[in-house]
């Protein structure tokens, strides 16, 4: 860098070349330092790292240095104007192995996979295979392009692992898959990586120490020298391996039929992306097949089932916790939809009992533009806690269904139907011009007579004919009813 010229120049290391990192506005200076150090294979504890960049169209100005988190955030905001921005990094210290300025290319088109703010028991939105540093051989194969956007490591990448296994031997099968000074984004990622590695290679290990600062394991065979010990990097959630004896000395004959099985949590994170849509996702047998084909691992049916339950809970939430959010959810619905009527009831012990919801837009449309005919019915809910969904619908001028109100109750009985109609009566008043249509459910007829005495009630012809055909199927005259 020159102070005598208007040009801001690099002194790049042509052998090390540049790197690509992905940042977001919440990335701290320390996190950026660790990412760059791991990409260049430099120990962050032994070097001083300086970052600077040049403002576009301001060639005569000196470069801007970054020395705190706020300046990193400013740089990210500035860099978002371009698809990528060049950042200069300078290493100084005894353990750098880098004597000249390096260029780091910042890509803001992708969001990084960062677990620095994740507690041990939380479920972060990252892939368990995204550990911080791949082996040097793997980096060379990728032509020195190392990203931290979750797409740079094949060891546990669930989507493309099968293809990479066909092309080259998996890193997990090599003794150097984990090595000294290797960094992992968190203790959880480190544990998951070792679980999958042991399962793939039919080994088992014992955790000898597990604290916030240390995590160490050894081979289950006491005669084997294989061991790994990792230490938390000060001021971060990163774990660095500071001791690694990577070759097993135990005899193959002493290996069990199945090695250590990865936890359901770990497998659940591998398949979590398969439950992102509204479908039910893969079944337990599909998960067993996935682990067998993609990761060369055999797992039991019940272990696959537990992994599936974990993946569903991670993507869609835990039903028990979701019930506690119902009051706030209904409040926000009423805030966003004026005229909406909602009601929520619980039992004496605080457990869910009834729920009613009718949108203001639907009520106003029914009053102004619909025939005063409401069809009511119930259907079973097939979730974990079952129940019945009660609905009140109308028909518009195009013969399309027009929803008026919804209710969730325990079952179709006198109490639940009467409660539903009393809530419906708040938005649709009793009138001699109003008519209800339903099946032959006795609870519906009784509740309408109690809550809507002036309204009329009729039986749906479709349900009536279905019941006639069902109960008089042996009578030859039923064929005329079907016609």
Protein backbone atom coordinates (compact mmCIF):
# COMPACT_ATOMS: atom_id res chain seq x y z
CA UNK A 1 0.00 0.00 0.00
CA UNK A 2 1.48 3.37 -1.00
CA UNK A 3 1.01 6.82 0.50
CA UNK A 4 2.73 8.52 -2.46
CA UNK A 5 0.35 7.35 -5.13
CA UNK A 6 -3.33 7.63 -5.78
CA UNK A 7 -3.40 3.90 -6.43
CA UNK A 8 -4.23 1.41 -3.68
CA UNK A 9 -2.20 -1.69 -4.48
CA UNK A 10 -2.06 -5.25 -3.17
CA UNK A 11 0.98 -7.42 -2.59
CA UNK A 12 -0.83 -10.73 -2.99
CA UNK A 13 0.52 -14.19 -2.26
CA UNK A 14 -0.03 -15.95 -5.60
CA UNK A 15 0.32 -19.37 -4.03
CA UNK A 16 -2.30 -18.80 -1.35
CA UNK A 17 -4.54 -16.74 -3.65
CA UNK A 18 -7.76 -15.18 -2.40
CA UNK A 19 -10.67 -16.55 -0.42
CA UNK A 20 -14.43 -16.00 -0.48
CA UNK A 21 -16.35 -15.42 2.72
CA UNK A 22 -20.01 -14.62 3.31
CA UNK A 23 -21.01 -11.97 5.83
CA UNK A 24 -24.16 -10.52 7.29
CA UNK A 25 -24.76 -7.30 9.20
CA UNK A 26 -24.60 -9.13 12.54
CA UNK A 27 -21.14 -10.59 11.89
CA UNK A 28 -18.64 -9.38 14.48
CA UNK A 29 -15.00 -8.51 13.93
CA UNK A 30 -13.91 -11.55 15.93
CA UNK A 31 -16.07 -13.86 13.82
CA UNK A 32 -14.64 -12.38 10.63
CA UNK A 33 -11.13 -12.87 11.97
CA UNK A 34 -11.77 -16.54 12.79
CA UNK A 35 -13.34 -17.21 9.39
CA UNK A 36 -10.40 -15.71 7.51
CA UNK A 37 -7.82 -17.43 9.71
CA UNK A 38 -9.40 -20.84 9.25
CA UNK A 39 -9.56 -20.35 5.47
CA UNK A 40 -5.84 -19.53 5.34
CA UNK A 41 -4.88 -22.18 7.88
CA UNK A 42 -3.60 -19.63 10.39
CA UNK A 43 -3.94 -19.92 14.16
CA UNK A 44 -6.07 -16.89 15.22
CA UNK A 45 -4.46 -16.90 18.66
CA UNK A 46 -0.95 -16.38 17.26
CA UNK A 47 -1.51 -13.58 14.78
CA UNK A 48 -2.77 -10.03 14.55
CA UNK A 49 -5.24 -9.53 11.73
CA UNK A 50 -5.96 -6.17 10.10
CA UNK A 51 -8.76 -5.55 7.61
CA UNK A 52 -9.07 -2.69 5.13
CA UNK A 53 -10.96 -1.93 1.93
CA UNK A 54 -11.14 0.71 -0.77
CA UNK A 55 -14.14 2.90 -1.53
CA UNK A 56 -15.27 2.62 -5.15
CA UNK A 57 -14.78 5.78 -7.27
CA UNK A 58 -12.65 7.32 -4.53
CA UNK A 59 -9.21 6.24 -5.68
CA UNK A 60 -7.44 9.21 -4.16
CA UNK A 61 -8.57 8.45 -0.63
CA UNK A 62 -6.68 6.16 1.74
CA UNK A 63 -8.12 2.71 2.43
CA UNK A 64 -10.60 2.34 5.27
CA UNK A 65 -9.62 0.12 8.19
CA UNK A 66 -11.97 -1.95 10.34
CA UNK A 67 -11.24 -2.21 14.05
CA UNK A 68 -14.62 -2.89 15.70
CA UNK A 69 -17.99 -4.56 15.11
CA UNK A 70 -19.71 -1.33 14.05
CA UNK A 71 -17.19 -0.78 11.26
CA UNK A 72 -17.70 -4.36 10.06
CA UNK A 73 -21.44 -3.72 9.91
CA UNK A 74 -20.81 -0.52 7.94
CA UNK A 75 -18.61 -2.44 5.51
CA UNK A 76 -21.31 -5.07 4.96
CA UNK A 77 -23.87 -2.35 4.25
CA UNK A 78 -21.50 -0.73 1.77
CA UNK A 79 -20.59 -4.03 0.12
CA UNK A 80 -24.24 -4.93 -0.48
CA UNK A 81 -24.23 -2.47 -3.36
CA UNK A 82 -22.05 -4.91 -5.31
CA UNK A 83 -22.33 -8.65 -5.75
CA UNK A 84 -18.84 -8.99 -4.27
CA UNK A 85 -16.28 -6.66 -2.73
CA UNK A 86 -12.55 -7.11 -2.23
CA UNK A 87 -11.31 -6.92 1.33
CA UNK A 88 -7.61 -6.69 2.19
CA UNK A 89 -6.38 -8.73 5.15
CA UNK A 90 -2.93 -8.36 6.69
CA UNK A 91 -1.45 -10.95 9.04
CA UNK A 92 1.33 -10.12 11.46
CA UNK A 93 2.90 -12.24 14.19
CA UNK A 94 5.19 -15.19 14.73
CA UNK A 95 2.77 -17.94 13.70
CA UNK A 96 1.30 -16.47 10.55
CA UNK A 97 3.05 -18.28 7.76
CA UNK A 98 1.81 -15.30 5.71
CA UNK A 99 4.11 -12.37 5.08
CA UNK A 100 2.15 -10.39 2.55
CA UNK A 101 -1.28 -8.94 2.12
CA UNK A 102 -4.05 -11.30 1.16
CA UNK A 103 -7.32 -10.62 -0.61
CA UNK A 104 -10.62 -11.88 0.67
CA UNK A 105 -13.61 -11.65 -1.62
CA UNK A 106 -16.84 -11.02 0.25
CA UNK A 107 -20.02 -12.57 -1.20
CA UNK A 108 -23.25 -11.10 0.16
CA UNK A 109 -25.60 -13.04 -2.10
CA UNK A 110 -25.85 -15.88 0.43
CA UNK A 111 -26.53 -15.96 4.14
CA UNK A 112 -23.81 -17.57 6.25
CA UNK A 113 -24.24 -20.62 8.43
CA UNK A 114 -23.38 -19.27 11.85
CA UNK A 115 -23.94 -20.96 15.19
CA UNK A 116 -22.09 -18.48 17.34
CA UNK A 117 -25.27 -17.38 19.08
CA UNK A 118 -26.75 -20.83 19.55
CA UNK A 119 -27.01 -22.37 22.98
CA UNK A 120 -26.31 -26.04 23.50
CA UNK A 121 -29.97 -27.05 23.68
CA UNK A 122 -31.29 -24.94 20.83
CA UNK A 123 -32.00 -26.00 17.29
CA UNK A 124 -30.09 -23.70 14.94
CA UNK A 125 -30.91 -23.27 11.28
CA UNK A 126 -27.67 -24.70 9.93
CA UNK A 127 -26.52 -27.96 8.44
CA UNK A 128 -24.62 -30.18 10.83
CA UNK A 129 -22.09 -30.92 8.14
CA UNK A 130 -20.89 -27.34 7.95
CA UNK A 131 -17.86 -27.51 10.18
CA UNK A 132 -15.40 -24.68 10.04
CA UNK A 133 -12.36 -26.09 8.29
CA UNK A 134 -12.01 -28.92 5.80
CA UNK A 135 -8.81 -30.83 5.34
CA UNK A 136 -6.08 -29.18 3.26
CA UNK A 137 -6.38 -31.88 0.62
CA UNK A 138 -10.08 -31.11 0.21
CA UNK A 139 -9.38 -27.40 -0.10
CA UNK A 140 -6.82 -28.09 -2.84
CA UNK A 141 -9.38 -30.14 -4.73
CA UNK A 142 -11.76 -27.20 -4.59
CA UNK A 143 -9.08 -24.97 -6.15
CA UNK A 144 -8.48 -22.96 -3.03
CA UNK A 145 -12.07 -21.69 -2.95
CA UNK A 146 -13.42 -22.04 0.57
CA UNK A 147 -16.83 -20.57 1.42
CA UNK A 148 -18.59 -20.37 4.75
CA UNK A 149 -22.07 -20.37 3.33
CA UNK A 150 -22.78 -24.02 4.10
CA UNK A 151 -21.84 -25.38 0.69
CA UNK A 152 -18.14 -26.07 1.01
CA UNK A 153 -17.93 -29.36 2.94
CA UNK A 154 -19.06 -32.76 1.75
CA UNK A 155 -18.36 -34.74 4.90
CA UNK A 156 -21.90 -34.47 6.24
CA UNK A 157 -23.68 -32.61 3.47
CA UNK A 158 -26.89 -34.57 3.18
CA UNK A 159 -27.97 -33.38 -0.26
CA UNK A 160 -24.83 -34.00 -2.32
CA UNK A 161 -22.96 -36.55 -0.31
CA UNK A 162 -23.94 -39.42 -2.56
CA UNK A 163 -22.42 -37.75 -5.63
CA UNK A 164 -19.18 -36.87 -3.88
CA UNK A 165 -18.82 -40.41 -2.56
CA UNK A 166 -18.99 -41.75 -6.09
CA UNK A 167 -16.29 -39.34 -7.26
CA UNK A 168 -13.81 -39.62 -4.42
CA UNK A 169 -13.26 -41.32 -1.12
CA UNK A 170 -15.11 -39.64 1.71
CA UNK A 171 -13.12 -37.49 4.09
CA UNK A 172 -14.84 -39.27 6.92
CA UNK A 173 -13.15 -42.50 5.94
CA UNK A 174 -9.64 -41.04 6.14
CA UNK A 175 -7.53 -40.94 9.30
CA UNK A 176 -6.91 -37.25 8.55
CA UNK A 177 -10.61 -36.41 8.47
CA UNK A 178 -10.05 -34.69 11.80
CA UNK A 179 -6.65 -33.32 12.63
CA UNK A 180 -4.88 -31.07 15.07
CA UNK A 181 -5.75 -27.34 14.93
CA UNK A 182 -8.96 -28.02 13.02
CA UNK A 183 -11.79 -25.62 13.88
CA UNK A 184 -15.49 -26.39 14.33
CA UNK A 185 -18.20 -23.77 14.59
CA UNK A 186 -19.51 -25.08 17.89
CA UNK A 187 -19.29 -27.98 20.29
CA UNK A 188 -22.55 -29.34 18.91
CA UNK A 189 -21.17 -29.40 15.35
CA UNK A 190 -17.99 -31.10 16.59
CA UNK A 191 -19.98 -33.81 18.39
CA UNK A 192 -22.22 -34.39 15.38
CA UNK A 193 -19.23 -34.65 13.05
CA UNK A 194 -17.57 -37.26 15.24
CA UNK A 195 -20.82 -39.21 15.63
CA UNK A 196 -21.29 -39.51 11.88
CA UNK A 197 -17.60 -40.33 11.36
CA UNK A 198 -17.72 -43.13 13.94
CA UNK A 199 -20.96 -44.50 12.53
CA UNK A 200 -19.67 -44.49 8.96
CA UNK A 201 -16.44 -46.26 9.88
CA UNK A 202 -17.96 -48.69 12.38
CA UNK A 203 -16.08 -47.37 15.41
CA UNK A 204 -17.30 -46.50 18.85
CA UNK A 205 -15.91 -43.88 21.20
CA UNK A 206 -16.32 -42.82 24.81
CA UNK A 207 -16.58 -39.22 25.97
CA UNK A 208 -13.92 -38.79 28.65
CA UNK A 209 -14.54 -35.10 29.33
CA UNK A 210 -17.28 -32.69 28.35
CA UNK A 211 -17.39 -29.12 29.69
CA UNK A 212 -17.96 -25.67 28.23
CA UNK A 213 -14.21 -25.40 27.75
CA UNK A 214 -13.14 -28.95 26.84
CA UNK A 215 -14.45 -31.96 24.94
CA UNK A 216 -12.39 -35.13 24.62
CA UNK A 217 -13.10 -38.66 23.42
CA UNK A 218 -11.21 -41.92 23.01
CA UNK A 219 -11.80 -45.28 21.36
CA UNK A 220 -14.03 -47.62 23.32
CA UNK A 221 -11.29 -50.26 23.16
CA UNK A 222 -8.94 -49.53 26.06
CA UNK A 223 -5.97 -50.90 24.11
CA UNK A 224 -6.50 -48.45 21.23
CA UNK A 225 -4.54 -45.19 21.08
CA UNK A 226 -7.15 -43.28 19.06
CA UNK A 227 -8.15 -40.08 20.86
CA UNK A 228 -9.37 -36.57 20.09
CA UNK A 229 -9.37 -33.56 22.39
CA UNK A 230 -10.81 -30.14 21.55
CA UNK A 231 -10.74 -26.83 23.38
CA UNK A 232 -13.11 -23.87 23.09
CA UNK A 233 -11.49 -20.82 21.49
CA UNK A 234 -11.52 -17.93 23.93
CA UNK A 235 -14.25 -15.39 23.26
CA UNK A 236 -16.20 -17.55 20.82
CA UNK A 237 -18.15 -20.79 20.49
CA UNK A 238 -15.56 -22.31 18.14
CA UNK A 239 -13.82 -25.52 19.22
CA UNK A 240 -10.29 -26.32 18.07
CA UNK A 241 -8.75 -29.78 18.15
CA UNK A 242 -5.47 -29.52 20.08
CA UNK A 243 -4.74 -33.25 20.30
CA UNK A 244 -5.51 -35.93 17.76
CA UNK A 245 -4.25 -39.50 17.43
CA UNK A 246 -6.13 -40.29 14.25
CA UNK A 247 -5.25 -43.93 13.55
CA UNK A 248 -6.98 -46.78 15.36
CA UNK A 249 -4.60 -49.38 16.77
CA UNK A 250 -7.35 -51.76 17.89
CA UNK A 251 -7.80 -55.03 16.04
CA UNK A 252 -10.67 -55.19 13.52
CA UNK A 253 -11.84 -58.43 15.18
CA UNK A 254 -12.64 -56.46 18.33
CA UNK A 255 -14.99 -54.13 16.51
CA UNK A 256 -18.66 -54.61 17.26
CA UNK A 257 -21.13 -55.43 14.53
CA UNK A 258 -22.37 -51.87 14.58
CA UNK A 259 -20.28 -48.87 15.54
CA UNK A 260 -21.44 -45.90 17.52
CA UNK A 261 -24.86 -44.78 16.37
CA UNK A 262 -25.34 -41.06 15.77
CA UNK A 263 -27.94 -39.48 17.99
CA UNK A 264 -31.46 -38.92 16.74
CA UNK A 265 -30.77 -35.18 17.02
CA UNK A 266 -27.80 -35.44 14.65
CA UNK A 267 -29.66 -37.53 12.08
CA UNK A 268 -32.68 -35.26 12.46
CA UNK A 269 -30.58 -32.26 11.46
CA UNK A 270 -29.34 -34.14 8.39
CA UNK A 271 -32.90 -34.73 7.16
CA UNK A 272 -34.49 -31.55 8.50
CA UNK A 273 -34.60 -29.86 5.08
CA UNK A 274 -36.85 -32.66 3.81
CA UNK A 275 -39.69 -31.44 6.07
CA UNK A 276 -39.65 -27.79 4.98
CA UNK A 277 -42.79 -28.04 2.83
CA UNK A 278 -46.31 -28.94 3.89
CA UNK A 279 -45.92 -32.64 3.12
CA UNK A 280 -45.43 -35.29 5.76
CA UNK A 281 -41.81 -35.79 4.74
CA UNK A 282 -39.99 -39.13 4.59
CA UNK A 283 -41.14 -42.05 6.70
CA UNK A 284 -38.91 -43.97 9.10
CA UNK A 285 -38.12 -46.61 6.45
CA UNK A 286 -37.19 -43.86 3.99
CA UNK A 287 -34.80 -42.39 6.56
CA UNK A 288 -33.19 -45.80 7.05
CA UNK A 289 -32.72 -46.07 3.30
CA UNK A 290 -31.35 -42.52 3.12
CA UNK A 291 -28.74 -43.21 5.81
CA UNK A 292 -27.81 -46.49 4.13
CA UNK A 293 -27.40 -45.02 0.64
CA UNK A 294 -26.10 -41.53 1.41
CA UNK A 295 -24.01 -42.16 4.51
CA UNK A 296 -23.32 -45.92 4.40
CA UNK A 297 -24.82 -46.30 7.89
CA UNK A 298 -27.30 -48.79 9.29
CA UNK A 299 -29.79 -47.47 11.85
CA UNK A 300 -32.74 -49.14 13.51
CA UNK A 301 -36.35 -48.38 12.68
CA UNK A 302 -37.02 -46.75 16.05
CA UNK A 303 -33.89 -44.64 15.82
CA UNK A 304 -35.08 -43.41 12.43
CA UNK A 305 -38.49 -42.69 13.93
CA UNK A 306 -36.94 -40.61 16.72
CA UNK A 307 -34.85 -38.72 14.18
CA UNK A 308 -37.98 -38.02 12.16
CA UNK A 309 -39.80 -36.69 15.23
CA UNK A 310 -36.86 -34.44 16.02
CA UNK A 311 -36.71 -33.09 12.45
CA UNK A 312 -40.44 -32.33 12.46
CA UNK A 313 -40.17 -30.58 15.83
CA UNK A 314 -37.20 -28.53 14.61
CA UNK A 315 -39.01 -27.36 11.47
CA UNK A 316 -42.62 -27.03 12.65
CA UNK A 317 -42.23 -26.56 16.39
CA UNK A 318 -43.37 -28.63 19.35
CA UNK A 319 -47.18 -28.94 19.62
CA UNK A 320 -47.12 -28.58 23.41
CA UNK A 321 -45.37 -25.23 23.11
CA UNK A 322 -47.56 -24.11 20.21
CA UNK A 323 -50.72 -24.33 22.33
CA UNK A 324 -49.26 -21.73 24.70
CA UNK A 325 -48.95 -19.30 21.77
CA UNK A 326 -52.63 -19.46 20.79
CA UNK A 327 -53.76 -16.40 22.84
CA UNK A 328 -51.08 -14.15 21.36
CA UNK A 329 -51.81 -15.53 17.89
CA UNK A 330 -55.52 -14.72 18.22
CA UNK A 331 -54.68 -11.26 19.51
CA UNK A 332 -52.54 -10.51 16.46
CA UNK A 333 -55.28 -11.80 14.14
CA UNK A 334 -57.77 -9.37 15.68
CA UNK A 335 -55.24 -6.53 15.40
CA UNK A 336 -54.66 -7.23 11.70
CA UNK A 337 -58.32 -7.96 10.82
CA UNK A 338 -60.80 -5.47 12.32
CA UNK A 339 -64.16 -6.97 13.20
CA UNK A 340 -62.73 -10.45 13.77
CA UNK A 341 -64.23 -12.43 16.64
CA UNK A 342 -62.11 -15.03 18.44
CA UNK A 343 -62.64 -16.96 21.65
CA UNK A 344 -60.34 -19.32 23.50
CA UNK A 345 -61.26 -21.50 26.45
CA UNK A 346 -59.17 -23.75 28.66
CA UNK A 347 -59.96 -26.33 31.30
CA UNK A 348 -59.46 -25.73 35.01
CA UNK A 349 -55.94 -27.11 34.81
CA UNK A 350 -55.07 -24.68 31.99
CA UNK A 351 -55.18 -27.20 29.15
CA UNK A 352 -56.75 -26.40 25.78
CA UNK A 353 -60.51 -26.92 25.46
CA UNK A 354 -62.23 -24.81 22.76
CA UNK A 355 -61.19 -22.36 20.04
CA UNK A 356 -63.38 -20.18 17.81
CA UNK A 357 -62.39 -17.82 15.01
CA UNK A 358 -64.42 -15.79 12.51
CA UNK A 359 -62.72 -13.19 10.32
CA UNK A 360 -64.30 -9.77 10.06
CA UNK A 361 -64.00 -9.74 6.27
CA UNK A 362 -65.94 -12.99 6.00
CA UNK A 363 -68.70 -11.76 8.30
CA UNK A 364 -69.12 -8.47 6.43
CA UNK A 365 -69.20 -10.28 3.09
CA UNK A 366 -71.82 -12.73 4.35
CA UNK A 367 -74.07 -9.97 5.67
CA UNK A 368 -73.91 -7.89 2.50
CA UNK A 369 -73.68 -10.35 -0.39
CA UNK A 370 -74.62 -13.90 0.59
CA UNK A 371 -77.83 -15.85 0.84
CA UNK A 372 -78.65 -16.35 4.52
CA UNK A 373 -77.91 -20.08 4.39
CA UNK A 374 -75.11 -21.54 6.51
CA UNK A 375 -73.84 -25.10 6.22
CA UNK A 376 -72.28 -26.54 9.39
CA UNK A 377 -70.26 -29.72 9.76
CA UNK A 378 -67.35 -31.24 11.64
CA UNK A 379 -64.28 -33.23 10.66
CA UNK A 380 -61.64 -35.10 12.62
CA UNK A 381 -58.19 -33.61 13.17
CA UNK A 382 -55.39 -36.10 12.61
CA UNK A 383 -52.60 -34.40 14.54
CA UNK A 384 -50.98 -35.66 17.74
CA UNK A 385 -53.73 -34.41 20.06
CA UNK A 386 -56.68 -35.18 17.75
CA UNK A 387 -59.90 -33.19 18.23
CA UNK A 388 -62.59 -32.02 15.83
CA UNK A 389 -62.71 -29.03 13.49
CA UNK A 390 -66.17 -27.40 13.27
CA UNK A 391 -66.90 -25.20 10.27
CA UNK A 392 -69.66 -22.84 9.20
CA UNK A 393 -69.69 -22.03 5.48
CA UNK A 394 -71.91 -20.35 2.93
CA UNK A 395 -72.10 -20.50 -0.88
CA UNK A 396 -71.41 -17.45 -3.04
CA UNK A 397 -72.95 -16.52 -6.39
CA UNK A 398 -70.47 -18.72 -8.27
CA UNK A 399 -71.36 -21.77 -6.15
CA UNK A 400 -68.01 -21.60 -4.37
CA UNK A 401 -67.62 -22.29 -0.66
CA UNK A 402 -67.42 -19.16 1.47
CA UNK A 403 -65.95 -19.71 4.97
CA UNK A 404 -67.72 -17.91 7.80
CA UNK A 405 -66.34 -19.39 11.03
CA UNK A 406 -64.08 -22.13 12.40
CA UNK A 407 -63.96 -23.91 15.72
CA UNK A 408 -61.74 -26.54 17.33
CA UNK A 409 -63.31 -28.73 20.03
CA UNK A 410 -62.70 -32.07 21.71
CA UNK A 411 -65.55 -33.95 19.97
CA UNK A 412 -68.98 -33.50 18.39
CA UNK A 413 -71.31 -33.45 21.38
CA UNK A 414 -74.09 -31.28 22.79
CA UNK A 415 -71.75 -29.04 24.80
CA UNK A 416 -69.26 -28.38 22.02
CA UNK A 417 -71.88 -27.66 19.34
CA UNK A 418 -73.85 -25.37 21.62
CA UNK A 419 -70.64 -23.51 22.51
CA UNK A 420 -69.82 -23.15 18.80
CA UNK A 421 -73.24 -21.75 17.92
CA UNK A 422 -73.14 -19.29 20.83
CA UNK A 423 -69.87 -17.91 19.49
CA UNK A 424 -71.31 -17.81 15.97
CA UNK A 425 -74.30 -15.91 17.34
CA UNK A 426 -71.95 -13.06 18.28
CA UNK A 427 -71.26 -12.32 14.59
CA UNK A 428 -74.38 -13.80 12.91
CA UNK A 429 -77.52 -12.93 14.87
CA UNK A 430 -80.64 -15.09 15.05
CA UNK A 431 -83.19 -14.25 12.37
CA UNK A 432 -86.23 -15.79 10.73
CA UNK A 433 -84.49 -15.25 7.38
CA UNK A 434 -81.54 -17.40 8.45
CA UNK A 435 -81.33 -21.12 7.62
CA UNK A 436 -78.88 -23.84 8.67
CA UNK A 437 -78.06 -27.00 6.72
CA UNK A 438 -76.31 -29.98 8.31
CA UNK A 439 -76.25 -33.76 8.46
CA UNK A 440 -78.51 -35.73 10.82
CA UNK A 441 -76.33 -35.09 13.87
CA UNK A 442 -78.68 -34.81 16.87
CA UNK A 443 -76.33 -32.44 18.73
CA UNK A 444 -76.48 -29.93 15.88
CA UNK A 445 -80.28 -29.95 15.78
CA UNK A 446 -80.52 -29.52 19.54
CA UNK A 447 -77.97 -26.68 19.65
CA UNK A 448 -79.60 -24.76 16.78
CA UNK A 449 -82.96 -25.00 18.52
CA UNK A 450 -81.38 -23.58 21.69
CA UNK A 451 -79.22 -20.78 20.27
CA UNK A 452 -81.11 -19.96 17.04
CA UNK A 453 -84.80 -20.61 17.85
CA UNK A 454 -86.06 -18.29 15.07
CA UNK A 455 -83.85 -19.78 12.35
CA UNK A 456 -84.74 -22.72 10.15
CA UNK A 457 -82.84 -26.01 10.04
CA UNK A 458 -82.71 -28.50 7.16
CA UNK A 459 -80.92 -31.76 6.41
CA UNK A 460 -78.36 -31.95 3.61
CA UNK A 461 -79.77 -34.09 0.81
CA UNK A 462 -76.35 -35.58 0.06
CA UNK A 463 -75.92 -36.86 3.62
CA UNK A 464 -79.51 -38.07 3.67
CA UNK A 465 -79.14 -40.11 0.48
CA UNK A 466 -75.81 -41.51 1.64
CA UNK A 467 -77.38 -42.75 4.85
CA UNK A 468 -80.34 -44.26 3.02
CA UNK A 469 -78.07 -46.20 0.65
CA UNK A 470 -75.86 -47.31 3.54
CA UNK A 471 -78.59 -48.61 5.85
CA UNK A 472 -80.86 -50.03 3.14
CA UNK A 473 -78.22 -51.43 0.81
CA UNK A 474 -80.07 -54.76 0.46
CA UNK A 475 -83.27 -53.09 -0.70
CA UNK A 476 -83.40 -52.98 -4.53
CA UNK A 477 -85.21 -49.64 -4.43
CA UNK A 478 -82.08 -47.85 -3.15
CA UNK A 479 -80.70 -47.73 -6.68
CA UNK A 480 -83.41 -45.17 -7.50
CA UNK A 481 -82.12 -42.98 -4.66
CA UNK A 482 -78.64 -43.02 -6.16
CA UNK A 483 -79.98 -41.87 -9.48
